[in-house]
Amino acid sequence: MKAVLIALQVLISLGLIATILLQSGRSAGLSGAIAGGAQALLGKKKGIDDLLNRISTVLAVAFLVITLVVAML
């Protein structure tokens, strides 16, 4: 049981790393700061970034839960 949870934890951590690295950066210098401020003000967000954000949130919560379960075993 513990080996299965650890293997699942490794897979979730790899998925979490991949989704975080695939997200676009929030700023790219001065032009990124201006564009980022406009996006935050106008509420425009790319579809893939929103999807990757949700996936990374779910994977982070799953990683936390599995880590706690493995620590209790």
N, C-alpha and C. Protein backbone atom coordinates (compact mmCIF):
# COMPACT_ATOMS: atom_id res chain seq x y z
N MET A 1 0.82 -1.19 0.00
CA MET A 1 0.00 0.00 0.00
C MET A 1 0.87 1.26 0.00
N LYS A 2 1.88 1.26 0.86
CA LYS A 2 2.73 2.44 0.95
C LYS A 2 3.53 2.64 -0.34
N ALA A 3 3.96 1.55 -0.96
CA ALA A 3 4.73 1.66 -2.21
C ALA A 3 3.87 2.23 -3.33
N VAL A 4 2.60 1.85 -3.36
CA VAL A 4 1.69 2.37 -4.37
C VAL A 4 1.46 3.87 -4.16
N LEU A 5 1.30 4.28 -2.92
CA LEU A 5 1.11 5.70 -2.64
C LEU A 5 2.35 6.53 -2.98
N ILE A 6 3.52 5.98 -2.70
CA ILE A 6 4.76 6.69 -3.04
C ILE A 6 4.92 6.80 -4.56
N ALA A 7 4.59 5.74 -5.28
CA ALA A 7 4.66 5.80 -6.74
C ALA A 7 3.67 6.82 -7.29
N LEU A 8 2.47 6.87 -6.71
CA LEU A 8 1.47 7.85 -7.12
C LEU A 8 1.94 9.27 -6.79
N GLN A 9 2.61 9.41 -5.66
CA GLN A 9 3.13 10.71 -5.26
C GLN A 9 4.21 11.20 -6.24
N VAL A 10 5.06 10.29 -6.69
CA VAL A 10 6.09 10.66 -7.67
C VAL A 10 5.45 11.09 -8.99
N LEU A 11 4.44 10.36 -9.44
CA LEU A 11 3.76 10.71 -10.68
C LEU A 11 3.06 12.06 -10.57
N ILE A 12 2.42 12.30 -9.44
CA ILE A 12 1.74 13.59 -9.25
C ILE A 12 2.76 14.72 -9.19
N SER A 13 3.90 14.49 -8.55
CA SER A 13 4.91 15.55 -8.47
C SER A 13 5.48 15.86 -9.85
N LEU A 14 5.68 14.85 -10.68
CA LEU A 14 6.16 15.09 -12.04
C LEU A 14 5.12 15.87 -12.86
N GLY A 15 3.86 15.52 -12.69
CA GLY A 15 2.79 16.25 -13.37
C GLY A 15 2.70 17.68 -12.89
N LEU A 16 2.90 17.89 -11.60
CA LEU A 16 2.87 19.25 -11.04
C LEU A 16 4.02 20.09 -11.58
N ILE A 17 5.19 19.50 -11.64
CA ILE A 17 6.35 20.21 -12.20
C ILE A 17 6.10 20.57 -13.66
N ALA A 18 5.55 19.64 -14.43
CA ALA A 18 5.30 19.88 -15.85
C ALA A 18 4.27 20.99 -16.05
N THR A 19 3.19 20.98 -15.28
CA THR A 19 2.16 22.00 -15.47
C THR A 19 2.65 23.39 -15.05
N ILE A 20 3.48 23.44 -14.03
CA ILE A 20 4.01 24.74 -13.61
C ILE A 20 4.98 25.28 -14.66
N LEU A 21 5.80 24.42 -15.22
CA LEU A 21 6.76 24.87 -16.23
C LEU A 21 6.09 25.25 -17.54
N LEU A 22 4.93 24.67 -17.84
CA LEU A 22 4.23 24.99 -19.09
C LEU A 22 3.47 26.31 -19.02
N GLN A 23 3.24 26.82 -17.83
CA GLN A 23 2.52 28.08 -17.71
C GLN A 23 3.40 29.23 -18.18
N SER A 24 2.75 30.23 -18.77
CA SER A 24 3.51 31.38 -19.23
C SER A 24 3.89 32.25 -18.04
N GLY A 25 5.00 32.98 -18.21
CA GLY A 25 5.47 33.84 -17.15
C GLY A 25 4.53 35.01 -16.91
N ARG A 26 4.52 35.50 -15.71
CA ARG A 26 3.63 36.62 -15.36
C ARG A 26 4.19 37.95 -15.84
N SER A 27 5.50 38.05 -15.94
CA SER A 27 6.07 39.31 -16.39
C SER A 27 7.31 39.03 -17.22
N ALA A 28 7.54 39.89 -18.17
CA ALA A 28 8.72 39.78 -19.02
C ALA A 28 9.34 41.16 -19.15
N GLY A 29 9.80 41.69 -18.04
CA GLY A 29 10.39 43.02 -18.07
C GLY A 29 9.34 44.10 -17.99
N LEU A 30 9.68 45.28 -18.51
CA LEU A 30 8.78 46.42 -18.43
C LEU A 30 7.53 46.21 -19.29
N SER A 31 7.69 45.66 -20.47
CA SER A 31 6.52 45.44 -21.33
C SER A 31 5.58 44.40 -20.73
N GLY A 32 6.14 43.41 -20.06
CA GLY A 32 5.30 42.42 -19.41
C GLY A 32 4.55 43.00 -18.23
N ALA A 33 5.17 43.95 -17.53
CA ALA A 33 4.50 44.58 -16.40
C ALA A 33 3.31 45.41 -16.87
N ILE A 34 3.48 46.10 -18.00
CA ILE A 34 2.38 46.91 -18.53
C ILE A 34 1.26 46.01 -19.05
N ALA A 35 1.62 44.99 -19.80
CA ALA A 35 0.62 44.08 -20.35
C ALA A 35 -0.04 43.27 -19.24
N GLY A 36 0.74 42.85 -18.25
CA GLY A 36 0.18 42.09 -17.15
C GLY A 36 -0.81 42.91 -16.34
N GLY A 37 -0.50 44.20 -16.16
CA GLY A 37 -1.43 45.08 -15.45
C GLY A 37 -2.71 45.27 -16.24
N ALA A 38 -2.60 45.37 -17.54
CA ALA A 38 -3.79 45.53 -18.38
C ALA A 38 -4.63 44.26 -18.36
N GLN A 39 -3.97 43.10 -18.37
CA GLN A 39 -4.73 41.85 -18.32
C GLN A 39 -5.44 41.70 -16.99
N ALA A 40 -4.79 42.09 -15.92
CA ALA A 40 -5.42 41.99 -14.60
C ALA A 40 -6.58 42.97 -14.49
N LEU A 41 -6.43 44.15 -15.09
CA LEU A 41 -7.47 45.16 -15.01
C LEU A 41 -8.67 44.78 -15.87
N LEU A 42 -8.41 44.30 -17.08
CA LEU A 42 -9.49 43.99 -18.00
C LEU A 42 -10.03 42.57 -17.84
N GLY A 43 -9.33 41.73 -17.09
CA GLY A 43 -9.81 40.38 -16.84
C GLY A 43 -9.56 39.42 -17.98
N LYS A 44 -8.68 39.74 -18.90
CA LYS A 44 -8.39 38.84 -20.01
C LYS A 44 -7.33 37.83 -19.57
N LYS A 45 -7.59 36.55 -19.85
CA LYS A 45 -6.66 35.51 -19.49
C LYS A 45 -6.71 34.44 -20.57
N LYS A 46 -5.58 33.93 -20.93
CA LYS A 46 -5.53 32.92 -21.97
C LYS A 46 -6.19 31.64 -21.48
N GLY A 47 -6.82 30.92 -22.38
CA GLY A 47 -7.53 29.71 -22.02
C GLY A 47 -6.62 28.62 -21.51
N ILE A 48 -5.47 28.43 -22.17
CA ILE A 48 -4.57 27.36 -21.76
C ILE A 48 -3.93 27.67 -20.41
N ASP A 49 -3.68 28.95 -20.14
CA ASP A 49 -3.12 29.31 -18.84
C ASP A 49 -4.11 29.05 -17.72
N ASP A 50 -5.37 29.32 -18.00
CA ASP A 50 -6.41 29.07 -17.00
C ASP A 50 -6.53 27.57 -16.73
N LEU A 51 -6.48 26.77 -17.78
CA LEU A 51 -6.56 25.32 -17.63
C LEU A 51 -5.35 24.78 -16.87
N LEU A 52 -4.16 25.25 -17.22
CA LEU A 52 -2.96 24.79 -16.52
C LEU A 52 -2.97 25.23 -15.06
N ASN A 53 -3.53 26.39 -14.79
CA ASN A 53 -3.63 26.86 -13.41
C ASN A 53 -4.53 25.95 -12.60
N ARG A 54 -5.66 25.56 -13.17
CA ARG A 54 -6.59 24.66 -12.47
C ARG A 54 -5.96 23.28 -12.26
N ILE A 55 -5.29 22.77 -13.29
CA ILE A 55 -4.66 21.45 -13.17
C ILE A 55 -3.57 21.48 -12.10
N SER A 56 -2.77 22.53 -12.08
CA SER A 56 -1.70 22.60 -11.08
C SER A 56 -2.28 22.73 -9.67
N THR A 57 -3.41 23.41 -9.52
CA THR A 57 -4.05 23.51 -8.21
C THR A 57 -4.54 22.15 -7.73
N VAL A 58 -5.17 21.40 -8.63
CA VAL A 58 -5.66 20.06 -8.27
C VAL A 58 -4.50 19.14 -7.94
N LEU A 59 -3.44 19.19 -8.73
CA LEU A 59 -2.29 18.34 -8.47
C LEU A 59 -1.59 18.71 -7.17
N ALA A 60 -1.55 19.99 -6.85
CA ALA A 60 -0.93 20.42 -5.59
C ALA A 60 -1.72 19.92 -4.39
N VAL A 61 -3.03 19.99 -4.47
CA VAL A 61 -3.86 19.48 -3.37
C VAL A 61 -3.72 17.97 -3.25
N ALA A 62 -3.71 17.27 -4.38
CA ALA A 62 -3.54 15.82 -4.35
C ALA A 62 -2.17 15.44 -3.78
N PHE A 63 -1.14 16.18 -4.14
CA PHE A 63 0.20 15.93 -3.62
C PHE A 63 0.22 16.13 -2.11
N LEU A 64 -0.43 17.17 -1.63
CA LEU A 64 -0.47 17.45 -0.20
C LEU A 64 -1.18 16.33 0.56
N VAL A 65 -2.32 15.90 0.04
CA VAL A 65 -3.10 14.85 0.71
C VAL A 65 -2.32 13.54 0.73
N ILE A 66 -1.73 13.16 -0.40
CA ILE A 66 -0.99 11.90 -0.47
C ILE A 66 0.24 11.95 0.43
N THR A 67 0.89 13.11 0.50
CA THR A 67 2.05 13.25 1.37
C THR A 67 1.65 13.07 2.84
N LEU A 68 0.53 13.64 3.23
CA LEU A 68 0.05 13.46 4.60
C LEU A 68 -0.31 12.02 4.89
N VAL A 69 -0.93 11.33 3.94
CA VAL A 69 -1.31 9.93 4.14
C VAL A 69 -0.06 9.06 4.25
N VAL A 70 0.94 9.30 3.41
CA VAL A 70 2.18 8.53 3.47
C VAL A 70 2.90 8.79 4.80
N ALA A 71 2.86 10.03 5.28
CA ALA A 71 3.51 10.35 6.55
C ALA A 71 2.82 9.66 7.73
N MET A 72 1.52 9.46 7.64
CA MET A 72 0.79 8.80 8.71
C MET A 72 1.01 7.30 8.72
N LEU A 73 1.34 6.71 7.59
CA LEU A 73 1.54 5.26 7.53
C LEU A 73 2.84 4.82 8.14
